Amino acid sequence: MKSSSDDSDVSAVGQAGILVLIGSVFGMFSDFLFRVILSNIVDADIFGAVFLILSLVNIIAIPCLLGMNQGIVKYIPESNTSNRNSYILFSMICSTIACVIISVFILIYPGDIIYTLLNVEERIYLYFLILLLPFYSLYEISLSSLRGLMKTDHHVILKNLAHPILKISILGGAAWIFGTLLPILASLLLVFIISAVIGVFFLLRSRWRPKMSLSINYTSFIYFSLPLMVSSSIYILLKNVDKVLIGSFLNTASVGEYEVAITIATLLGIFQTSFSFLLYPKISDLISQKKSGKIPHLYTQATKWIFLFTLPPYLILVTRPNALVSLFGDQYSISTLSIPLAILATGYFLDAILGPNGQALLGLGRSRAILIYNMIAIFINIPLNIMLIPSHGLIGAALATITGYITMNLLKSADLWMNYRIPSIHTSTAIILISVSPICVLLLNIFPEYGSVVYEIAILSLSSVISIVIGIVSLSAFGCVSASDKKLAQDSLKKLTNIV
């Protein structure tokens, strides 16, 4: 029998998840809207070039962050105020130094590769990429610090509200006014400068002060973070290398088409992001309090609701994606994107429902295990991309991506079960799958398709809501809705009422 403290732990993660869910819905909608607007303003080659640049920034920033943006999430909850100040400032200083070193290296060596990928010759494009690095890194460290401090409201405002709005207004405005790559790149730099400033402001509001104690042994922090740099770099490569290789083997227009498919498929991650937001720091907190026995219950409750809320959208993307693809303009055809989208949706669906396994392993201190699993995934992914993209185009890239995601998630889930007896799949999973899938597919086939996007979105939303309600009823009938779930629903309703 679970104690009331178990319920409070689940409720704490769930309530934070509700707040993050609201922010994530807005953030993903804004990000989705930004891509829709941009795809309808500029040609496919410029659209693809913009996201190829973002992929390059994500990859180049890996050694700039040194893994500290992830390590700090574990160290902050376990530290006193003085140590928290020190770890955050130490991360910022190390990141800045790393950015300078990487910038010099880029100027000397790989510039020609970047020119070739972007199909440009002017050196100014390279300068903009270099200027982006320190502000991108500061933005990421600020986000991670706010997460470690469990300042959910500030994290949501920065990541899911301010940053997407800045992209729509500044970057979208530059695309509409100029329509060329250079002004869009300049506006991207401005977006990250403002976002980084907001991040530091929120840290100061959270009582962080730029002070660093020299008495702290930072070696353990570095020792914990550096493997995360490698593991996170592999995860970032897994998410971005396909676009870089598409740009290399095909062209930026193909990158644009692939970005449309990825943009739609990543919508499936919204509930995983929401519920797992506090899972990593909460697990670290439970371990520090010597309450590790509560972790399996906490994890099972989170994955149950992630699966329920993600399954209907996945079925929609696989069976009826036309309305969403049409939002991006006539230059993107459903006949070209339907198969890559279905493949990518499957990969992101598995990543969403099993995704908290990575957060759980981090909270349990298994950073080196994550490194190994991510390395295995990327060593499979990159060769597959190189082999499949030239012969199969976007379908080949999608197949390589899903293979990497499946491999990575199976390894992490197996680790959780073998070492901690934490299951990724349980009785609730089977109940949801059996009760929700046939109803959702039936509803999608009952309602005919029309040309109206508004009609389609209404039908898809209605089908999802009905399917989720049936899933909740089924879980309740089989006794899979616990007291902590009911408490979470009541507390979340109050929180939503207060927000409204």
Protein backbone atom coordinates (compact mmCIF):
# COMPACT_ATOMS: atom_id res chain seq x y z
CA MET A 1 0.00 0.00 0.00
CA LYS A 2 1.38 3.39 -1.04
CA SER A 3 1.87 6.06 1.60
CA SER A 4 0.57 9.59 1.42
CA SER A 5 4.12 10.77 0.77
CA ASP A 6 4.18 8.61 -2.38
CA ASP A 7 1.03 10.39 -3.51
CA SER A 8 2.54 13.79 -2.83
CA ASP A 9 5.63 12.92 -4.91
CA VAL A 10 3.49 11.81 -7.86
CA SER A 11 1.26 14.84 -7.43
CA ALA A 12 4.25 17.19 -7.36
CA VAL A 13 5.60 15.80 -10.62
CA GLY A 14 2.13 15.75 -12.15
CA GLN A 15 1.24 19.30 -11.15
CA ALA A 16 4.52 20.55 -12.56
CA GLY A 17 3.68 18.46 -15.61
CA ILE A 18 0.34 20.24 -15.96
CA LEU A 19 2.01 23.64 -15.87
CA VAL A 20 4.69 22.48 -18.29
CA LEU A 21 1.95 20.92 -20.43
CA ILE A 22 0.24 24.29 -20.76
CA GLY A 23 3.55 25.91 -21.64
CA SER A 24 4.52 23.06 -23.94
CA VAL A 25 1.22 23.26 -25.79
CA PHE A 26 1.77 26.96 -26.35
CA GLY A 27 5.47 26.49 -27.11
CA MET A 28 4.91 23.67 -29.58
CA PHE A 29 2.00 25.52 -31.15
CA SER A 30 4.17 28.63 -31.49
CA ASP A 31 7.07 26.60 -32.88
CA PHE A 32 4.71 24.82 -35.24
CA LEU A 33 3.16 28.14 -36.26
CA PHE A 34 6.62 29.61 -36.84
CA ARG A 35 7.48 26.78 -39.23
CA VAL A 36 4.13 27.06 -40.99
CA ILE A 37 4.56 30.82 -41.44
CA LEU A 38 8.17 30.50 -42.61
CA SER A 39 7.38 27.67 -45.04
CA ASN A 40 4.65 29.78 -46.65
CA ILE A 41 6.86 32.91 -46.89
CA VAL A 42 10.15 31.58 -48.26
CA ASP A 43 11.10 28.95 -50.82
CA ALA A 44 11.81 25.39 -49.73
CA ASP A 45 15.58 25.83 -50.18
CA ILE A 46 15.74 28.83 -47.80
CA PHE A 47 13.36 27.10 -45.38
CA GLY A 48 15.65 24.08 -45.38
CA ALA A 49 18.77 26.26 -45.02
CA VAL A 50 17.38 27.92 -41.88
CA PHE A 51 16.87 24.59 -40.12
CA LEU A 52 20.13 23.23 -41.46
CA ILE A 53 21.81 26.20 -39.72
CA LEU A 54 19.93 25.43 -36.49
CA SER A 55 21.07 21.80 -36.72
CA LEU A 56 24.67 22.95 -37.19
CA VAL A 57 24.39 25.25 -34.15
CA ASN A 58 23.01 22.39 -32.05
CA ILE A 59 25.93 20.18 -33.07
CA ILE A 60 28.68 22.82 -32.80
CA ALA A 61 27.42 23.91 -29.35
CA ILE A 62 27.98 20.43 -27.89
CA PRO A 63 31.61 21.02 -26.82
CA CYS A 64 30.69 24.56 -25.74
CA LEU A 65 28.27 23.29 -23.09
CA LEU A 66 30.61 20.53 -21.85
CA GLY A 67 27.59 18.56 -20.61
CA MET A 68 27.13 21.02 -17.75
CA ASN A 69 23.67 22.00 -18.93
CA GLN A 70 22.61 18.46 -17.97
CA GLY A 71 24.91 17.86 -15.02
CA ILE A 72 23.70 21.00 -13.29
CA VAL A 73 20.14 19.62 -13.13
CA LYS A 74 21.38 16.86 -10.81
CA TYR A 75 23.79 18.95 -8.73
CA ILE A 76 21.53 21.92 -7.98
CA PRO A 77 18.77 20.02 -6.07
CA GLU A 78 21.43 18.38 -3.87
CA SER A 79 23.26 21.64 -3.00
CA ASN A 80 22.81 24.54 -0.60
CA THR A 81 22.30 28.10 -1.84
CA SER A 82 26.00 28.97 -1.91
CA ASN A 83 26.91 25.87 -3.88
CA ARG A 84 24.05 26.43 -6.31
CA ASN A 85 25.35 29.91 -7.08
CA SER A 86 28.81 28.47 -7.63
CA TYR A 87 27.79 25.60 -9.90
CA ILE A 88 25.71 27.88 -12.14
CA LEU A 89 28.42 30.54 -12.48
CA PHE A 90 31.11 27.90 -12.97
CA SER A 91 29.06 26.42 -15.83
CA MET A 92 28.68 29.82 -17.49
CA ILE A 93 32.41 30.60 -17.25
CA CYS A 94 33.49 27.21 -18.59
CA SER A 95 30.98 27.46 -21.43
CA THR A 96 32.21 30.92 -22.44
CA ILE A 97 35.84 29.76 -22.52
CA ALA A 98 34.87 26.71 -24.57
CA CYS A 99 32.94 28.92 -27.04
CA VAL A 100 36.04 31.03 -27.67
CA ILE A 101 38.19 27.95 -28.30
CA ILE A 102 35.62 26.35 -30.61
CA SER A 103 35.16 29.62 -32.53
CA VAL A 104 38.89 29.84 -33.25
CA PHE A 105 38.87 26.22 -34.39
CA ILE A 106 35.90 26.85 -36.73
CA LEU A 107 37.58 29.88 -38.29
CA ILE A 108 40.72 27.87 -39.02
CA TYR A 109 39.38 24.50 -40.15
CA PRO A 110 35.78 23.52 -41.01
CA GLY A 111 34.57 26.73 -42.63
CA ASP A 112 34.63 25.26 -46.14
CA ILE A 113 32.32 22.44 -45.07
CA ILE A 114 29.75 24.93 -43.77
CA TYR A 115 29.98 27.01 -46.95
CA THR A 116 29.31 23.89 -49.03
CA LEU A 117 26.34 22.79 -46.94
CA LEU A 118 24.69 26.23 -47.11
CA ASN A 119 25.70 26.76 -50.74
CA VAL A 120 27.17 30.19 -49.92
CA GLU A 121 30.60 31.77 -50.26
CA GLU A 122 30.50 34.87 -48.01
CA ARG A 123 32.46 34.56 -44.75
CA ILE A 124 29.85 36.62 -42.89
CA TYR A 125 27.62 33.53 -42.58
CA LEU A 126 30.38 31.86 -40.60
CA TYR A 127 30.71 34.89 -38.32
CA PHE A 128 27.01 34.77 -37.50
CA LEU A 129 27.29 31.09 -36.59
CA ILE A 130 30.22 31.85 -34.28
CA LEU A 131 28.39 34.75 -32.62
CA LEU A 132 25.41 32.49 -32.00
CA LEU A 133 27.39 30.01 -29.91
CA PRO A 134 27.89 31.90 -26.59
CA PHE A 135 24.31 33.18 -26.47
CA TYR A 136 22.89 29.79 -27.40
CA SER A 137 25.02 28.20 -24.66
CA LEU A 138 24.01 30.78 -22.06
CA TYR A 139 20.35 30.26 -22.97
CA GLU A 140 20.70 26.47 -22.54
CA ILE A 141 22.52 26.75 -19.19
CA SER A 142 19.90 29.20 -17.92
CA LEU A 143 17.11 26.79 -18.87
CA SER A 144 18.83 23.86 -17.18
CA SER A 145 19.56 25.90 -14.05
CA LEU A 146 15.91 26.93 -13.76
CA ARG A 147 14.92 23.30 -14.16
CA GLY A 148 17.36 22.19 -11.46
CA LEU A 149 16.01 24.91 -9.16
CA MET A 150 12.53 23.52 -9.95
CA LYS A 151 11.39 27.00 -11.03
CA THR A 152 8.79 25.53 -13.35
CA ASP A 153 7.02 28.82 -14.03
CA HIS A 154 10.20 30.63 -15.10
CA HIS A 155 11.34 27.67 -17.20
CA VAL A 156 7.99 27.50 -18.98
CA ILE A 157 7.87 31.25 -19.63
CA LEU A 158 11.37 31.28 -21.12
CA LYS A 159 11.32 28.08 -23.15
CA ASN A 160 7.67 27.79 -24.13
CA LEU A 161 6.48 31.40 -24.26
CA ALA A 162 9.22 34.00 -24.67
CA HIS A 163 11.57 32.12 -27.01
CA PRO A 164 8.87 30.94 -29.47
CA ILE A 165 7.23 34.39 -29.53
CA LEU A 166 10.62 35.97 -30.25
CA LYS A 167 11.16 33.56 -33.14
CA ILE A 168 7.77 34.28 -34.65
CA SER A 169 8.01 38.05 -34.32
CA ILE A 170 11.70 38.70 -35.06
CA LEU A 171 12.76 35.81 -37.27
CA GLY A 172 9.41 35.54 -39.01
CA GLY A 173 9.36 39.30 -39.53
CA ALA A 174 12.82 39.24 -41.12
CA ALA A 175 11.74 36.44 -43.45
CA TRP A 176 8.61 38.35 -44.48
CA ILE A 177 10.41 41.67 -45.05
CA PHE A 178 13.64 40.43 -46.68
CA GLY A 179 13.03 36.80 -47.70
CA THR A 180 16.76 36.03 -47.92
CA LEU A 181 19.05 33.92 -45.76
CA LEU A 182 21.42 36.55 -44.31
CA PRO A 183 18.78 38.77 -42.62
CA ILE A 184 17.08 35.64 -41.28
CA LEU A 185 20.37 34.49 -39.77
CA ALA A 186 20.94 37.94 -38.21
CA SER A 187 17.46 37.84 -36.68
CA LEU A 188 18.18 34.36 -35.29
CA LEU A 189 21.21 35.79 -33.48
CA LEU A 190 19.04 38.55 -32.00
CA VAL A 191 16.49 35.98 -30.80
CA PHE A 192 19.12 34.05 -28.82
CA ILE A 193 20.68 37.22 -27.39
CA ILE A 194 17.32 38.31 -25.98
CA SER A 195 16.48 34.77 -24.79
CA ALA A 196 19.82 34.49 -22.95
CA VAL A 197 19.26 37.85 -21.25
CA ILE A 198 15.78 36.75 -20.13
CA GLY A 199 17.25 33.49 -18.80
CA VAL A 200 19.83 35.31 -16.65
CA PHE A 201 17.12 37.69 -15.43
CA PHE A 202 14.96 34.76 -14.29
CA LEU A 203 17.93 33.22 -12.49
CA LEU A 204 18.47 36.48 -10.62
CA ARG A 205 14.76 36.51 -9.77
CA SER A 206 15.23 32.97 -8.40
CA ARG A 207 17.81 34.33 -5.91
CA TRP A 208 20.82 33.16 -7.88
CA ARG A 209 23.81 35.43 -7.49
CA PRO A 210 26.97 35.39 -9.64
CA LYS A 211 29.24 34.21 -6.83
CA MET A 212 31.61 31.28 -6.90
CA SER A 213 33.17 29.54 -3.93
CA LEU A 214 36.72 28.32 -4.45
CA SER A 215 36.34 25.80 -1.62
CA ILE A 216 34.03 23.59 -3.69
CA ASN A 217 35.56 20.56 -5.40
CA TYR A 218 34.32 21.06 -8.96
CA THR A 219 36.07 17.90 -10.12
CA SER A 220 33.11 15.65 -9.31
CA PHE A 221 30.78 18.03 -11.16
CA ILE A 222 33.04 17.97 -14.23
CA TYR A 223 33.49 14.21 -13.90
CA PHE A 224 29.72 13.76 -13.91
CA SER A 225 29.05 16.29 -16.69
CA LEU A 226 31.69 15.33 -19.28
CA PRO A 227 30.18 11.89 -20.02
CA LEU A 228 26.87 13.72 -20.40
CA MET A 229 28.51 15.95 -23.02
CA VAL A 230 29.38 12.88 -25.03
CA SER A 231 26.02 11.20 -24.44
CA SER A 232 24.05 14.37 -25.13
CA SER A 233 26.19 15.03 -28.20
CA ILE A 234 25.23 11.64 -29.50
CA TYR A 235 21.57 12.33 -28.77
CA ILE A 236 21.83 15.73 -30.48
CA LEU A 237 23.56 14.08 -33.44
CA LEU A 238 20.76 11.54 -33.53
CA LYS A 239 18.27 14.41 -33.85
CA ASN A 240 20.24 16.56 -36.29
CA VAL A 241 22.70 14.50 -38.33
CA ASP A 242 20.00 13.32 -40.73
CA LYS A 243 19.31 16.92 -41.79
CA VAL A 244 23.01 17.66 -42.23
CA LEU A 245 23.49 14.53 -44.35
CA ILE A 246 20.36 15.28 -46.40
CA GLY A 247 21.83 18.72 -47.09
CA SER A 248 25.11 17.07 -48.06
CA PHE A 249 23.77 14.28 -50.29
CA LEU A 250 20.65 16.01 -51.63
CA ASN A 251 19.92 19.76 -51.22
CA THR A 252 18.47 22.33 -48.82
CA ALA A 253 15.02 22.00 -50.43
CA SER A 254 15.00 18.33 -49.37
CA VAL A 255 16.02 19.45 -45.87
CA GLY A 256 12.94 21.69 -45.94
CA GLU A 257 10.66 18.79 -46.88
CA TYR A 258 12.18 16.61 -44.18
CA GLU A 259 11.80 19.41 -41.63
CA VAL A 260 8.07 19.53 -42.35
CA ALA A 261 7.77 15.81 -41.58
CA ILE A 262 9.86 16.13 -38.41
CA THR A 263 7.92 19.19 -37.24
CA ILE A 264 4.67 17.24 -37.41
CA ALA A 265 6.12 14.06 -35.89
CA THR A 266 7.70 15.84 -32.91
CA LEU A 267 4.26 16.99 -31.78
CA LEU A 268 4.06 13.52 -30.24
CA GLY A 269 6.65 14.50 -27.64
CA ILE A 270 4.52 17.12 -25.93
CA PHE A 271 3.17 14.87 -23.15
CA GLN A 272 6.50 13.15 -22.53
CA THR A 273 8.14 16.56 -22.11
CA SER A 274 5.39 17.71 -19.77
CA PHE A 275 5.29 14.77 -17.37
CA SER A 276 9.01 13.99 -17.35
CA PHE A 277 10.05 17.61 -16.72
CA LEU A 278 10.50 17.11 -12.97
CA LEU A 279 11.19 13.37 -13.11
CA TYR A 280 14.98 13.69 -13.30
CA PRO A 281 15.45 16.24 -10.46
CA LYS A 282 12.70 14.56 -8.40
CA ILE A 283 14.45 11.19 -8.63
CA SER A 284 17.73 12.86 -7.60
CA ASP A 285 15.88 14.46 -4.69
CA LEU A 286 14.39 11.11 -3.57
CA ILE A 287 17.82 9.47 -3.70
CA SER A 288 19.36 12.25 -1.61
CA GLN A 289 16.57 11.70 0.96
CA LYS A 290 17.21 7.92 0.88
CA LYS A 291 13.72 7.24 -0.49
CA SER A 292 14.71 5.27 -3.61
CA GLY A 293 11.88 2.80 -3.04
CA LYS A 294 9.40 5.40 -4.26
CA ILE A 295 11.00 5.73 -7.69
CA PRO A 296 9.29 2.76 -9.47
CA HIS A 297 5.82 3.99 -8.44
CA LEU A 298 6.66 7.53 -9.54
CA TYR A 299 7.97 6.33 -12.90
CA THR A 300 5.06 3.98 -13.60
CA GLN A 301 2.50 6.68 -12.90
CA ALA A 302 4.24 9.13 -15.25
CA THR A 303 4.62 6.66 -18.15
CA LYS A 304 1.00 5.54 -17.87
CA TRP A 305 -0.38 8.99 -18.62
CA ILE A 306 2.25 9.77 -21.24
CA PHE A 307 1.20 6.66 -23.17
CA LEU A 308 -2.52 7.39 -22.89
CA PHE A 309 -2.24 10.97 -24.15
CA THR A 310 0.28 10.16 -26.91
CA LEU A 311 -1.39 7.12 -28.52
CA PRO A 312 -4.36 8.88 -30.24
CA PRO A 313 -2.18 11.62 -31.84
CA TYR A 314 0.18 8.91 -33.14
CA LEU A 315 -2.67 7.00 -34.76
CA ILE A 316 -3.84 10.25 -36.34
CA LEU A 317 -0.42 11.04 -37.83
CA VAL A 318 -0.11 7.56 -39.29
CA THR A 319 -3.62 7.31 -40.76
CA ARG A 320 -4.74 10.89 -41.50
CA PRO A 321 -1.90 13.45 -41.79
CA ASN A 322 -3.18 15.39 -44.82
CA ALA A 323 -4.56 18.39 -42.95
CA LEU A 324 -1.34 19.04 -41.04
CA VAL A 325 0.88 18.72 -44.13
CA SER A 326 -1.34 21.11 -46.10
CA LEU A 327 -0.69 23.86 -43.54
CA PHE A 328 2.89 24.20 -44.80
CA GLY A 329 1.87 25.27 -48.30
CA ASP A 330 1.41 23.78 -51.75
CA GLN A 331 5.14 23.16 -52.28
CA TYR A 332 4.98 20.28 -49.77
CA SER A 333 2.98 17.34 -51.05
CA ILE A 334 1.41 14.57 -48.97
CA SER A 335 2.45 12.00 -51.59
CA THR A 336 6.10 12.87 -50.94
CA LEU A 337 5.86 13.13 -47.16
CA SER A 338 3.31 10.48 -46.11
CA ILE A 339 5.77 7.56 -45.84
CA PRO A 340 8.63 9.51 -44.18
CA LEU A 341 6.09 11.06 -41.80
CA ALA A 342 4.64 7.67 -40.81
CA ILE A 343 8.14 6.29 -40.18
CA LEU A 344 9.25 9.33 -38.18
CA ALA A 345 5.99 9.37 -36.21
CA THR A 346 6.63 5.76 -35.16
CA GLY A 347 10.13 6.65 -33.98
CA TYR A 348 9.03 9.73 -32.06
CA PHE A 349 6.07 7.81 -30.61
CA LEU A 350 8.37 5.17 -29.15
CA ASP A 351 10.72 7.89 -27.93
CA ALA A 352 7.79 9.68 -26.28
CA ILE A 353 6.31 6.73 -24.42
CA LEU A 354 9.70 5.32 -23.39
CA GLY A 355 11.50 8.67 -23.31
CA PRO A 356 11.40 9.14 -19.52
CA ASN A 357 13.79 6.19 -19.29
CA GLY A 358 16.65 8.57 -20.06
CA GLN A 359 15.48 11.06 -17.42
CA ALA A 360 15.14 8.26 -14.87
CA LEU A 361 18.64 6.91 -15.57
CA LEU A 362 20.11 10.40 -15.22
CA GLY A 363 18.37 10.84 -11.88
CA LEU A 364 19.77 7.48 -10.77
CA GLY A 365 23.29 8.63 -11.69
CA ARG A 366 23.66 6.30 -14.70
CA SER A 367 25.23 8.91 -16.99
CA ARG A 368 27.90 6.52 -18.29
CA ALA A 369 25.31 3.89 -19.18
CA ILE A 370 23.39 6.53 -21.13
CA LEU A 371 26.62 7.39 -22.93
CA ILE A 372 27.09 3.79 -24.04
CA TYR A 373 23.48 3.38 -25.20
CA ASN A 374 23.51 6.65 -27.13
CA MET A 375 26.84 5.74 -28.75
CA ILE A 376 25.43 2.42 -29.94
CA ALA A 377 22.42 4.23 -31.40
CA ILE A 378 24.45 6.86 -33.27
CA PHE A 379 26.94 4.28 -34.56
CA ILE A 380 23.95 2.55 -36.14
CA ASN A 381 22.25 5.77 -37.27
CA ILE A 382 25.06 7.57 -39.13
CA PRO A 383 26.16 4.64 -41.34
CA LEU A 384 22.51 3.90 -42.15
CA ASN A 385 21.96 7.54 -43.14
CA ILE A 386 25.04 7.48 -45.36
CA MET A 387 23.90 4.25 -47.02
CA LEU A 388 20.17 4.98 -47.35
CA ILE A 389 19.90 8.71 -48.15
CA PRO A 390 21.63 8.58 -51.58
CA SER A 391 19.45 5.66 -52.71
CA HIS A 392 16.17 6.21 -50.84
CA GLY A 393 16.15 9.94 -50.06
CA LEU A 394 13.89 11.09 -47.25
CA ILE A 395 12.52 7.60 -46.63
CA GLY A 396 16.07 6.36 -46.07
CA ALA A 397 16.77 9.17 -43.60
CA ALA A 398 13.55 8.40 -41.72
CA LEU A 399 14.38 4.68 -41.53
CA ALA A 400 17.86 5.43 -40.19
CA THR A 401 16.40 7.78 -37.58
CA ILE A 402 13.76 5.37 -36.31
CA THR A 403 16.32 2.56 -36.07
CA GLY A 404 18.51 4.72 -33.85
CA TYR A 405 15.60 5.77 -31.62
CA ILE A 406 14.32 2.22 -31.18
CA THR A 407 17.79 0.88 -30.34
CA MET A 408 18.48 3.64 -27.82
CA ASN A 409 15.14 3.32 -26.03
CA LEU A 410 15.17 -0.47 -25.82
CA LEU A 411 18.62 -0.40 -24.21
CA LYS A 412 17.64 2.26 -21.66
CA SER A 413 14.37 0.54 -20.76
CA ALA A 414 16.16 -2.79 -20.35
CA ASP A 415 18.67 -1.12 -17.99
CA LEU A 416 15.88 0.29 -15.82
CA TRP A 417 14.23 -3.10 -15.54
CA MET A 418 17.34 -5.22 -15.01
CA ASN A 419 19.01 -2.94 -12.45
CA TYR A 420 16.08 -1.25 -10.68
CA ARG A 421 13.00 -3.31 -11.59
CA ILE A 422 11.40 -0.20 -13.08
CA PRO A 423 9.13 -1.26 -15.97
CA SER A 424 8.53 0.86 -19.06
CA ILE A 425 5.60 -1.35 -20.07
CA HIS A 426 3.04 -2.54 -17.53
CA THR A 427 -0.59 -3.62 -17.19
CA SER A 428 -1.84 -0.09 -17.81
CA THR A 429 -0.03 -0.06 -21.16
CA ALA A 430 -1.94 -3.10 -22.40
CA ILE A 431 -5.28 -1.73 -21.16
CA ILE A 432 -4.72 1.59 -22.93
CA LEU A 433 -3.55 -0.07 -26.15
CA ILE A 434 -6.50 -2.47 -26.33
CA SER A 435 -9.19 0.06 -25.38
CA VAL A 436 -7.98 3.19 -27.17
CA SER A 437 -6.54 1.97 -30.50
CA PRO A 438 -9.67 0.41 -32.08
CA ILE A 439 -11.92 3.28 -30.98
CA CYS A 440 -9.58 5.94 -32.34
CA VAL A 441 -9.06 4.16 -35.69
CA LEU A 442 -12.83 3.58 -35.98
CA LEU A 443 -13.60 7.25 -35.37
CA LEU A 444 -11.01 8.35 -37.93
CA ASN A 445 -12.64 6.11 -40.53
CA ILE A 446 -16.24 7.04 -39.66
CA PHE A 447 -15.77 10.75 -40.31
CA PRO A 448 -15.15 11.47 -44.01
CA GLU A 449 -12.29 13.70 -45.14
CA TYR A 450 -13.06 17.15 -46.54
CA GLY A 451 -10.86 19.90 -47.92
CA SER A 452 -11.44 22.22 -44.97
CA VAL A 453 -8.47 22.32 -42.58
CA VAL A 454 -10.68 23.64 -39.77
CA TYR A 455 -13.05 20.68 -40.19
CA GLU A 456 -10.19 18.19 -40.23
CA ILE A 457 -8.56 19.60 -37.10
CA ALA A 458 -11.93 19.59 -35.30
CA ILE A 459 -12.53 15.94 -36.24
CA LEU A 460 -9.03 14.88 -35.26
CA SER A 461 -9.31 16.68 -31.92
CA LEU A 462 -12.72 15.15 -31.21
CA SER A 463 -11.43 11.66 -32.02
CA SER A 464 -8.48 12.15 -29.66
CA VAL A 465 -10.61 13.42 -26.78
CA ILE A 466 -13.15 10.58 -27.08
CA SER A 467 -10.37 7.99 -27.26
CA ILE A 468 -8.60 9.41 -24.19
CA VAL A 469 -11.84 9.47 -22.18
CA ILE A 470 -12.45 5.83 -23.06
CA GLY A 471 -8.90 5.05 -21.99
CA ILE A 472 -9.43 6.72 -18.60
CA VAL A 473 -12.70 4.82 -18.10
CA SER A 474 -10.97 1.54 -18.97
CA LEU A 475 -8.10 2.22 -16.56
CA SER A 476 -10.59 3.03 -13.82
CA ALA A 477 -12.60 -0.13 -14.50
CA PHE A 478 -9.49 -2.29 -14.08
CA GLY A 479 -8.41 -0.47 -10.91
CA CYS A 480 -5.45 1.29 -12.53
CA VAL A 481 -6.44 4.79 -11.40
CA SER A 482 -4.80 5.27 -8.01
CA ALA A 483 -5.44 7.71 -5.19
CA SER A 484 -2.46 9.74 -6.35
CA ASP A 485 -4.01 10.00 -9.83
CA LYS A 486 -7.27 11.31 -8.37
CA LYS A 487 -5.41 13.75 -6.16
CA LEU A 488 -3.40 14.89 -9.16
CA ALA A 489 -6.59 15.47 -11.16
CA GLN A 490 -8.15 17.51 -8.35
CA ASP A 491 -5.01 19.58 -7.73
CA SER A 492 -4.44 20.11 -11.44
CA LEU A 493 -8.04 21.26 -11.92
CA LYS A 494 -7.54 23.82 -9.17
CA LYS A 495 -4.25 24.95 -10.75
CA LEU A 496 -5.88 25.27 -14.18
CA THR A 497 -8.78 27.21 -12.65
CA ASN A 498 -6.37 29.60 -10.96
CA ILE A 499 -4.43 30.09 -14.21
CA VAL A 500 -7.61 30.80 -16.16
